[in-house]
Amino acid sequence: MIPNLSVNGASPLSLPSDLVGERDTEPSFAPHEERTKVRPAASPPGSPPDPEVVPDVTGRKTRRRYSRDYKRRILDEADRCTKPGELGALLRREGLYASTLRDFRFQRERGQLDPVSVAHQAAFKAQLKDERAKERQRLTALERENQQLKRQLRQAEIVIEVQKKLSELLGIPLPTAPGESR
């Protein structure tokens, strides 16, 4: 038998009604539409929006794209942050995540933000594109030549067959190649 633990008729697990109050019918979080809205990068209050970060006005979720100059500027500011909290304030002000800053640093280490190496990469890509175009032209020419040689081979085989039949009709024996049986 379970002992009755109620006090003054109330269950020990229930709270008095004057402490509970009315329950909110609204959820404590923002509706789905507001949570998934694309928000432009945060700018300091009263300052014009950053022209290097263009907010998405179509309402579709897309990846933000940053210019190389913007990335270098953010990295310079991040490198100057020495006091506790300065880096976090910078990231909040710019609307960036720490992982984005890490990606910027990784790109800088690989030389992708350096204008000289970017120009070098562009020249390399252009050269590679030219080489691929030349290779495609060469392949097309080789395929054309291959088709022409196949046609010539078929014609030669037909001529040889006609010569064989003609020699049989005229009774002229043809010499046989070594290893060929007649």
Protein backbone atom coordinates (compact mmCIF):
# COMPACT_ATOMS: atom_id res chain seq x y z
CA MET A 1 0.00 0.00 0.00
CA ILE A 2 1.27 3.46 -0.95
CA PRO A 3 1.08 6.06 1.80
CA ASN A 4 -0.89 9.25 1.10
CA LEU A 5 1.63 12.10 0.89
CA SER A 6 -0.84 14.84 0.09
CA VAL A 7 -0.88 17.99 2.16
CA ASN A 8 -4.20 19.79 2.56
CA GLY A 9 -5.62 17.77 -0.34
CA ALA A 10 -2.91 18.79 -2.83
CA SER A 11 -0.53 16.36 -4.45
CA PRO A 12 3.13 16.83 -3.40
CA LEU A 13 4.04 17.23 -7.09
CA SER A 14 1.51 19.93 -7.93
CA LEU A 15 2.09 23.64 -7.38
CA PRO A 16 -0.47 25.94 -5.86
CA SER A 17 -2.58 27.63 -8.51
CA ASP A 18 -1.50 31.14 -7.45
CA LEU A 19 2.14 30.27 -8.24
CA VAL A 20 1.49 28.68 -11.60
CA GLY A 21 -0.24 31.50 -13.45
CA GLU A 22 -1.60 31.21 -16.94
CA ARG A 23 0.45 29.44 -19.53
CA ASP A 24 1.44 31.31 -22.68
CA THR A 25 -0.20 29.98 -25.77
CA GLU A 26 2.51 31.51 -27.99
CA PRO A 27 5.74 29.53 -28.44
CA SER A 28 8.81 31.03 -26.84
CA PHE A 29 10.74 30.94 -30.12
CA ALA A 30 10.24 32.86 -33.34
CA PRO A 31 8.07 31.35 -36.06
CA HIS A 32 9.81 29.30 -38.74
CA GLU A 33 9.59 32.09 -41.33
CA GLU A 34 11.41 34.53 -39.05
CA ARG A 35 14.09 32.02 -38.08
CA THR A 36 14.90 31.17 -41.70
CA LYS A 37 14.93 34.76 -42.99
CA VAL A 38 18.18 35.83 -44.60
CA ARG A 39 19.54 38.77 -42.68
CA PRO A 40 22.08 41.20 -44.13
CA ALA A 41 25.46 41.57 -42.47
CA ALA A 42 25.36 43.65 -39.32
CA SER A 43 26.80 47.14 -39.60
CA PRO A 44 27.54 49.49 -36.73
CA PRO A 45 24.46 51.55 -35.85
CA GLY A 46 24.19 54.76 -37.83
CA SER A 47 26.75 53.76 -40.44
CA PRO A 48 25.94 53.01 -44.08
CA PRO A 49 25.80 49.31 -45.03
CA ASP A 50 29.04 47.72 -46.15
CA PRO A 51 29.16 47.95 -49.98
CA GLU A 52 31.35 44.84 -50.17
CA VAL A 53 28.65 42.59 -48.68
CA VAL A 54 25.47 42.72 -50.71
CA PRO A 55 22.44 41.45 -48.81
CA ASP A 56 20.10 39.02 -50.52
CA VAL A 57 16.88 40.85 -51.36
CA THR A 58 15.11 37.95 -53.08
CA GLY A 59 14.40 36.12 -49.83
CA ARG A 60 16.10 32.93 -51.02
CA LYS A 61 18.78 31.44 -48.84
CA THR A 62 22.15 31.63 -50.55
CA ARG A 63 25.73 31.53 -49.46
CA ARG A 64 27.25 34.87 -48.74
CA ARG A 65 30.16 35.79 -50.98
CA TYR A 66 32.97 38.02 -49.82
CA SER A 67 35.42 39.98 -51.93
CA ARG A 68 39.14 39.40 -51.50
CA ASP A 69 39.55 42.98 -50.24
CA TYR A 70 36.86 42.43 -47.60
CA LYS A 71 38.51 39.20 -46.45
CA ARG A 72 41.92 40.89 -46.19
CA ARG A 73 40.40 43.82 -44.26
CA ILE A 74 38.66 41.48 -41.79
CA LEU A 75 41.86 39.45 -41.33
CA ASP A 76 43.86 42.63 -40.68
CA GLU A 77 41.33 43.74 -38.08
CA ALA A 78 41.28 40.27 -36.51
CA ASP A 79 45.08 40.23 -36.31
CA ARG A 80 45.00 43.56 -34.45
CA CYS A 81 42.57 42.18 -31.83
CA THR A 82 44.64 41.56 -28.69
CA LYS A 83 42.29 42.12 -25.76
CA PRO A 84 39.79 39.51 -24.62
CA GLY A 85 36.45 39.99 -26.35
CA GLU A 86 37.69 42.18 -29.19
CA LEU A 87 37.65 39.38 -31.72
CA GLY A 88 34.13 38.32 -30.70
CA ALA A 89 32.97 41.94 -30.99
CA LEU A 90 34.48 42.15 -34.48
CA LEU A 91 32.74 38.95 -35.57
CA ARG A 92 29.40 40.12 -34.13
CA ARG A 93 29.75 43.55 -35.76
CA GLU A 94 30.45 41.98 -39.16
CA GLY A 95 27.89 39.20 -38.76
CA LEU A 96 30.52 36.48 -39.21
CA TYR A 97 31.12 33.14 -37.55
CA ALA A 98 34.47 32.01 -36.18
CA SER A 99 34.50 29.25 -38.81
CA THR A 100 34.27 31.88 -41.56
CA LEU A 101 37.24 33.70 -40.08
CA ARG A 102 39.10 30.37 -39.96
CA ASP A 103 38.30 29.83 -43.65
CA PHE A 104 39.59 33.33 -44.46
CA ARG A 105 42.84 32.56 -42.61
CA PHE A 106 43.20 29.25 -44.45
CA GLN A 107 42.72 31.01 -47.80
CA ARG A 108 45.35 33.58 -46.82
CA GLU A 109 47.81 30.79 -45.90
CA ARG A 110 47.27 29.13 -49.28
CA GLY A 111 47.86 32.46 -51.03
CA GLN A 112 44.35 32.75 -52.42
CA LEU A 113 43.92 36.31 -51.13
CA ASP A 114 47.25 37.60 -52.46
CA PRO A 115 46.62 39.65 -55.64
CA VAL A 116 49.83 38.38 -57.27
CA SER A 117 49.01 34.73 -56.68
CA VAL A 118 45.40 35.33 -57.73
CA ALA A 119 46.64 36.78 -61.03
CA HIS A 120 49.00 33.81 -61.36
CA GLN A 121 46.11 31.40 -60.72
CA ALA A 122 43.96 33.19 -63.30
CA ALA A 123 46.77 32.98 -65.87
CA PHE A 124 47.27 29.29 -65.05
CA LYS A 125 43.54 28.60 -65.46
CA ALA A 126 43.50 30.46 -68.79
CA GLN A 127 46.52 28.47 -69.98
CA LEU A 128 44.88 25.22 -68.86
CA LYS A 129 41.69 26.19 -70.70
CA ASP A 130 43.70 26.89 -73.88
CA GLU A 131 45.49 23.55 -73.57
CA ARG A 132 42.16 21.74 -73.17
CA ALA A 133 40.75 23.51 -76.23
CA LYS A 134 43.82 22.51 -78.27
CA GLU A 135 43.53 18.94 -76.98
CA ARG A 136 39.85 18.83 -78.02
CA GLN A 137 40.78 20.13 -81.50
CA ARG A 138 43.54 17.53 -81.79
CA LEU A 139 41.15 14.77 -80.68
CA THR A 140 38.57 15.88 -83.23
CA ALA A 141 41.20 15.90 -86.00
CA LEU A 142 42.41 12.40 -84.97
CA GLU A 143 38.85 11.06 -84.97
CA ARG A 144 38.28 12.54 -88.43
CA GLU A 145 41.54 10.97 -89.67
CA ASN A 146 40.57 7.63 -88.11
CA GLN A 147 37.22 7.65 -89.96
CA GLN A 148 38.98 8.48 -93.24
CA LEU A 149 41.49 5.64 -92.73
CA LYS A 150 38.65 3.20 -91.98
CA ARG A 151 36.94 4.19 -95.26
CA GLN A 152 40.20 3.71 -97.16
CA LEU A 153 40.70 0.31 -95.52
CA ARG A 154 37.19 -0.82 -96.52
CA GLN A 155 37.87 0.31 -100.11
CA ALA A 156 41.20 -1.53 -100.15
CA GLU A 157 39.56 -4.71 -98.83
CA ILE A 158 36.89 -4.48 -101.54
CA VAL A 159 39.57 -4.02 -104.23
CA ILE A 160 41.48 -7.06 -102.89
CA GLU A 161 38.30 -9.19 -102.92
CA VAL A 162 37.58 -8.14 -106.52
CA GLN A 163 41.18 -8.99 -107.52
CA LYS A 164 40.86 -12.43 -105.90
CA LYS A 165 37.59 -13.17 -107.72
CA LEU A 166 39.01 -11.87 -110.99
CA SER A 167 42.14 -14.04 -110.67
CA GLU A 168 39.95 -17.09 -109.95
CA LEU A 169 37.84 -16.37 -113.04
CA LEU A 170 40.87 -15.93 -115.24
CA GLY A 171 42.69 -18.88 -113.65
CA ILE A 172 45.66 -16.83 -112.53
CA PRO A 173 47.14 -18.25 -109.33
CA LEU A 174 47.84 -15.61 -106.64
CA PRO A 175 50.96 -15.93 -104.52
CA THR A 176 50.14 -16.75 -100.89
CA ALA A 177 51.78 -15.04 -97.99
CA PRO A 178 53.61 -17.22 -95.48
CA GLY A 179 51.18 -18.61 -92.88
CA GLU A 180 48.13 -17.93 -95.09
CA SER A 181 46.21 -20.96 -96.34
CA ARG A 182 44.37 -21.05 -99.60
